[in-house]
Amino acid sequence: MDSEFLTLPGSRVSIEAATWRDLNHLRQLERACFPKDAWPLLDLIGVLTMPNVVRLKAMSDHQMVGFIAGDVRKSENTAWIATVGVIPEFRRQGIGKELLRSLESRLEVGKICLNVRVSNGAAVKLYEEFGYTLAGMWTRYYEDGEDALLMEKICE
């Protein structure tokens, strides 16, 4: 897969396929992005190795600054965005948008679903910009008891 490049002020970010070799970088990214909800090691290994998962990383100066993964369920004609994160110092630079755009272009399904914290207004706004709509709520979904919004997008 060819890399896609996004030029940001002062840096050049590439979007490329992630592999199991990215495990340590992904662990660091998870801790930085999700201090309350960082995935355990086995979940990270799974997202990097399961054959039905499309996984992309954003790289800047040999550092993983973002990650997204989509779990494709062909029998349901659906994909679930399992995780998306950009480390705090690289946020609001378009990396999350580029990760989402790049992932969606690789998902050949009729519907894409995701969960997001009710309190994560920036992420909700981003998903709405991409055409995701509210499909429900999962109460007390997160470890700390916060609810999750269920959002979905019908693909054309």
C-alpha atoms as a PDB file:
ATOM      1  CA  MET A   1       0.000   0.000   0.000  1.00  0.00           C
ATOM      2  CA  ASP A   2       1.387   3.383  -0.924  1.00  0.00           C
ATOM      3  CA  SER A   3       1.743   6.039   1.720  1.00  0.00           C
ATOM      4  CA  GLU A   4      -0.447   9.088   1.585  1.00  0.00           C
ATOM      5  CA  PHE A   5       1.059  12.377   2.692  1.00  0.00           C
ATOM      6  CA  LEU A   6      -0.427  15.302   4.521  1.00  0.00           C
ATOM      7  CA  THR A   7       1.757  18.383   4.822  1.00  0.00           C
ATOM      8  CA  LEU A   8       1.241  20.321   8.008  1.00  0.00           C
ATOM      9  CA  PRO A   9       2.999  23.482   9.178  1.00  0.00           C
ATOM     10  CA  GLY A  10       6.471  22.402  10.233  1.00  0.00           C
ATOM     11  CA  SER A  11       6.022  18.694   9.528  1.00  0.00           C
ATOM     12  CA  ARG A  12       5.114  16.089   6.973  1.00  0.00           C
ATOM     13  CA  VAL A  13       2.761  13.333   8.080  1.00  0.00           C
ATOM     14  CA  SER A  14       2.337  10.058   6.209  1.00  0.00           C
ATOM     15  CA  ILE A  15      -0.661   7.748   6.472  1.00  0.00           C
ATOM     16  CA  GLU A  16       0.359   4.127   5.983  1.00  0.00           C
ATOM     17  CA  ALA A  17      -0.564   0.585   6.892  1.00  0.00           C
ATOM     18  CA  ALA A  18       0.163  -0.481  10.470  1.00  0.00           C
ATOM     19  CA  THR A  19       1.476  -3.955  11.329  1.00  0.00           C
ATOM     20  CA  TRP A  20       2.300  -6.006  14.404  1.00  0.00           C
ATOM     21  CA  ARG A  21       5.724  -4.330  14.337  1.00  0.00           C
ATOM     22  CA  ASP A  22       3.975  -1.147  15.508  1.00  0.00           C
ATOM     23  CA  LEU A  23       2.876  -2.684  18.814  1.00  0.00           C
ATOM     24  CA  ASN A  24       5.166  -0.673  21.115  1.00  0.00           C
ATOM     25  CA  HIS A  25       4.367   2.600  19.345  1.00  0.00           C
ATOM     26  CA  LEU A  26       0.655   1.827  19.515  1.00  0.00           C
ATOM     27  CA  ARG A  27       0.894   1.109  23.248  1.00  0.00           C
ATOM     28  CA  GLN A  28       2.458   4.530  23.784  1.00  0.00           C
ATOM     29  CA  LEU A  29      -0.159   6.218  21.610  1.00  0.00           C
ATOM     30  CA  GLU A  30      -3.013   4.474  23.456  1.00  0.00           C
ATOM     31  CA  ARG A  31      -1.716   5.672  26.825  1.00  0.00           C
ATOM     32  CA  ALA A  32      -1.336   9.251  25.554  1.00  0.00           C
ATOM     33  CA  CYS A  33      -4.738   9.360  23.845  1.00  0.00           C
ATOM     34  CA  PHE A  34      -6.872   7.338  26.243  1.00  0.00           C
ATOM     35  CA  PRO A  35      -5.555   7.605  29.791  1.00  0.00           C
ATOM     36  CA  LYS A  36      -8.865   6.233  31.149  1.00  0.00           C
ATOM     37  CA  ASP A  37      -9.478   3.610  28.453  1.00  0.00           C
ATOM     38  CA  ALA A  38      -6.153   2.435  27.003  1.00  0.00           C
ATOM     39  CA  TRP A  39      -6.584  -1.018  25.533  1.00  0.00           C
ATOM     40  CA  PRO A  40      -4.839  -3.938  27.233  1.00  0.00           C
ATOM     41  CA  LEU A  41      -1.923  -5.610  25.465  1.00  0.00           C
ATOM     42  CA  LEU A  42      -3.952  -8.519  24.050  1.00  0.00           C
ATOM     43  CA  ASP A  43      -6.473  -6.143  22.433  1.00  0.00           C
ATOM     44  CA  LEU A  44      -3.624  -4.193  20.828  1.00  0.00           C
ATOM     45  CA  ILE A  45      -2.085  -7.391  19.481  1.00  0.00           C
ATOM     46  CA  GLY A  46      -5.491  -8.383  18.109  1.00  0.00           C
ATOM     47  CA  VAL A  47      -6.134  -5.086  16.335  1.00  0.00           C
ATOM     48  CA  LEU A  48      -2.693  -5.306  14.726  1.00  0.00           C
ATOM     49  CA  THR A  49      -2.988  -8.930  13.592  1.00  0.00           C
ATOM     50  CA  MET A  50      -6.615  -9.889  12.918  1.00  0.00           C
ATOM     51  CA  PRO A  51      -7.118 -10.425   9.180  1.00  0.00           C
ATOM     52  CA  ASN A  52     -10.456  -8.595   8.960  1.00  0.00           C
ATOM     53  CA  VAL A  53      -9.113  -5.342  10.430  1.00  0.00           C
ATOM     54  CA  VAL A  54      -7.947  -2.406   8.314  1.00  0.00           C
ATOM     55  CA  ARG A  55      -5.333  -0.531  10.341  1.00  0.00           C
ATOM     56  CA  LEU A  56      -3.593   2.727   9.504  1.00  0.00           C
ATOM     57  CA  LYS A  57      -1.044   4.864  11.285  1.00  0.00           C
ATOM     58  CA  ALA A  58      -0.047   8.494  10.939  1.00  0.00           C
ATOM     59  CA  MET A  59       3.716   8.960  11.095  1.00  0.00           C
ATOM     60  CA  SER A  60       5.744  12.136  11.589  1.00  0.00           C
ATOM     61  CA  ASP A  61       9.541  12.028  11.875  1.00  0.00           C
ATOM     62  CA  HIS A  62       9.497   8.261  12.568  1.00  0.00           C
ATOM     63  CA  GLN A  63       6.962   8.721  15.380  1.00  0.00           C
ATOM     64  CA  MET A  64       3.426   7.294  15.372  1.00  0.00           C
ATOM     65  CA  VAL A  65       1.212  10.310  15.988  1.00  0.00           C
ATOM     66  CA  GLY A  66      -2.148   8.750  15.089  1.00  0.00           C
ATOM     67  CA  PHE A  67      -3.875   5.426  14.568  1.00  0.00           C
ATOM     68  CA  ILE A  68      -7.220   4.151  13.293  1.00  0.00           C
ATOM     69  CA  ALA A  69      -8.636   0.657  12.873  1.00  0.00           C
ATOM     70  CA  GLY A  70     -11.780  -0.615  11.196  1.00  0.00           C
ATOM     71  CA  ASP A  71     -13.165  -4.100  11.857  1.00  0.00           C
ATOM     72  CA  VAL A  72     -14.793  -5.275   8.614  1.00  0.00           C
ATOM     73  CA  ARG A  73     -17.749  -7.633   8.977  1.00  0.00           C
ATOM     74  CA  LYS A  74     -18.469  -8.625   5.374  1.00  0.00           C
ATOM     75  CA  SER A  75     -21.383 -10.915   6.301  1.00  0.00           C
ATOM     76  CA  GLU A  76     -23.140  -7.891   7.845  1.00  0.00           C
ATOM     77  CA  ASN A  77     -21.973  -5.444   5.131  1.00  0.00           C
ATOM     78  CA  THR A  78     -20.733  -3.325   8.033  1.00  0.00           C
ATOM     79  CA  ALA A  79     -17.462  -2.075   9.490  1.00  0.00           C
ATOM     80  CA  TRP A  80     -16.889  -0.893  13.043  1.00  0.00           C
ATOM     81  CA  ILE A  81     -14.302   1.760  13.723  1.00  0.00           C
ATOM     82  CA  ALA A  82     -12.652   0.130  16.706  1.00  0.00           C
ATOM     83  CA  THR A  83     -10.370   3.002  17.649  1.00  0.00           C
ATOM     84  CA  VAL A  84      -9.067   6.319  16.406  1.00  0.00           C
ATOM     85  CA  GLY A  85      -6.576   8.483  18.231  1.00  0.00           C
ATOM     86  CA  VAL A  86      -4.125  11.298  17.637  1.00  0.00           C
ATOM     87  CA  ILE A  87      -1.597  12.189  20.322  1.00  0.00           C
ATOM     88  CA  PRO A  88      -2.490  15.463  22.041  1.00  0.00           C
ATOM     89  CA  GLU A  89       0.333  17.610  20.646  1.00  0.00           C
ATOM     90  CA  PHE A  90      -0.689  16.699  17.061  1.00  0.00           C
ATOM     91  CA  ARG A  91      -4.425  17.290  17.419  1.00  0.00           C
ATOM     92  CA  ARG A  92      -6.368  19.940  15.485  1.00  0.00           C
ATOM     93  CA  GLN A  93      -4.010  19.663  12.516  1.00  0.00           C
ATOM     94  CA  GLY A  94      -6.183  17.513  10.254  1.00  0.00           C
ATOM     95  CA  ILE A  95      -4.573  14.159  11.093  1.00  0.00           C
ATOM     96  CA  GLY A  96      -7.753  12.647  12.516  1.00  0.00           C
ATOM     97  CA  LYS A  97      -9.675  13.734   9.429  1.00  0.00           C
ATOM     98  CA  GLU A  98      -7.053  12.235   7.124  1.00  0.00           C
ATOM     99  CA  LEU A  99      -6.994   8.955   9.081  1.00  0.00           C
ATOM    100  CA  LEU A 100     -10.792   8.737   8.901  1.00  0.00           C
ATOM    101  CA  ARG A 101     -10.872   9.629   5.186  1.00  0.00           C
ATOM    102  CA  SER A 102      -8.128   7.093   4.406  1.00  0.00           C
ATOM    103  CA  LEU A 103      -9.828   4.333   6.384  1.00  0.00           C
ATOM    104  CA  GLU A 104     -13.243   4.946   4.846  1.00  0.00           C
ATOM    105  CA  SER A 105     -11.725   4.755   1.350  1.00  0.00           C
ATOM    106  CA  ARG A 106     -10.529   1.220   2.135  1.00  0.00           C
ATOM    107  CA  LEU A 107     -13.785  -0.080   3.636  1.00  0.00           C
ATOM    108  CA  GLU A 108     -16.035  -1.696   1.064  1.00  0.00           C
ATOM    109  CA  VAL A 109     -19.205  -1.936   3.137  1.00  0.00           C
ATOM    110  CA  GLY A 110     -22.658  -0.401   3.181  1.00  0.00           C
ATOM    111  CA  LYS A 111     -22.485   0.941   6.735  1.00  0.00           C
ATOM    112  CA  ILE A 112     -19.797   2.105   9.155  1.00  0.00           C
ATOM    113  CA  CYS A 113     -20.473   2.246  12.908  1.00  0.00           C
ATOM    114  CA  LEU A 114     -18.543   3.588  15.884  1.00  0.00           C
ATOM    115  CA  ASN A 115     -18.850   4.450  19.557  1.00  0.00           C
ATOM    116  CA  VAL A 116     -17.683   7.722  21.072  1.00  0.00           C
ATOM    117  CA  ARG A 117     -17.788   9.166  24.570  1.00  0.00           C
ATOM    118  CA  VAL A 118     -20.742  11.484  25.140  1.00  0.00           C
ATOM    119  CA  SER A 119     -18.280  14.079  26.488  1.00  0.00           C
ATOM    120  CA  ASN A 120     -16.000  13.992  23.420  1.00  0.00           C
ATOM    121  CA  GLY A 121     -17.578  16.885  21.561  1.00  0.00           C
ATOM    122  CA  ALA A 122     -14.632  17.372  19.181  1.00  0.00           C
ATOM    123  CA  ALA A 123     -14.841  13.767  17.977  1.00  0.00           C
ATOM    124  CA  VAL A 124     -18.634  13.900  17.655  1.00  0.00           C
ATOM    125  CA  LYS A 125     -18.307  17.046  15.533  1.00  0.00           C
ATOM    126  CA  LEU A 126     -15.700  15.382  13.315  1.00  0.00           C
ATOM    127  CA  TYR A 127     -17.900  12.325  12.772  1.00  0.00           C
ATOM    128  CA  GLU A 128     -20.900  14.512  11.977  1.00  0.00           C
ATOM    129  CA  GLU A 129     -18.792  16.385   9.383  1.00  0.00           C
ATOM    130  CA  PHE A 130     -18.134  13.006   7.756  1.00  0.00           C
ATOM    131  CA  GLY A 131     -21.839  12.155   7.625  1.00  0.00           C
ATOM    132  CA  TYR A 132     -22.221  10.012  10.751  1.00  0.00           C
ATOM    133  CA  THR A 133     -25.524  10.295  12.584  1.00  0.00           C
ATOM    134  CA  LEU A 134     -26.669   9.332  16.045  1.00  0.00           C
ATOM    135  CA  ALA A 135     -28.067   5.788  16.051  1.00  0.00           C
ATOM    136  CA  GLY A 136     -28.362   5.175  19.782  1.00  0.00           C
ATOM    137  CA  MET A 137     -26.642   5.293  23.143  1.00  0.00           C
ATOM    138  CA  TRP A 138     -24.937   2.601  25.168  1.00  0.00           C
ATOM    139  CA  THR A 139     -25.268   3.459  28.838  1.00  0.00           C
ATOM    140  CA  ARG A 140     -22.269   3.108  31.134  1.00  0.00           C
ATOM    141  CA  TYR A 141     -20.200   1.754  28.213  1.00  0.00           C
ATOM    142  CA  TYR A 142     -16.833   3.029  29.403  1.00  0.00           C
ATOM    143  CA  GLU A 143     -14.925   1.776  32.422  1.00  0.00           C
ATOM    144  CA  ASP A 144     -15.585   4.981  34.359  1.00  0.00           C
ATOM    145  CA  GLY A 145     -19.346   4.682  33.714  1.00  0.00           C
ATOM    146  CA  GLU A 146     -19.646   7.292  30.970  1.00  0.00           C
ATOM    147  CA  ASP A 147     -22.172   6.630  28.212  1.00  0.00           C
ATOM    148  CA  ALA A 148     -21.192   6.072  24.583  1.00  0.00           C
ATOM    149  CA  LEU A 149     -22.972   7.471  21.573  1.00  0.00           C
ATOM    150  CA  LEU A 150     -23.507   4.931  18.814  1.00  0.00           C
ATOM    151  CA  MET A 151     -23.000   6.666  15.477  1.00  0.00           C
ATOM    152  CA  GLU A 152     -23.348   5.251  11.980  1.00  0.00           C
ATOM    153  CA  LYS A 153     -22.844   6.252   8.385  1.00  0.00           C
ATOM    154  CA  ILE A 154     -24.560   4.743   5.377  1.00  0.00           C
ATOM    155  CA  CYS A 155     -22.022   4.452   2.567  1.00  0.00           C
ATOM    156  CA  GLU A 156     -22.874   5.126  -1.052  1.00  0.00           C
END
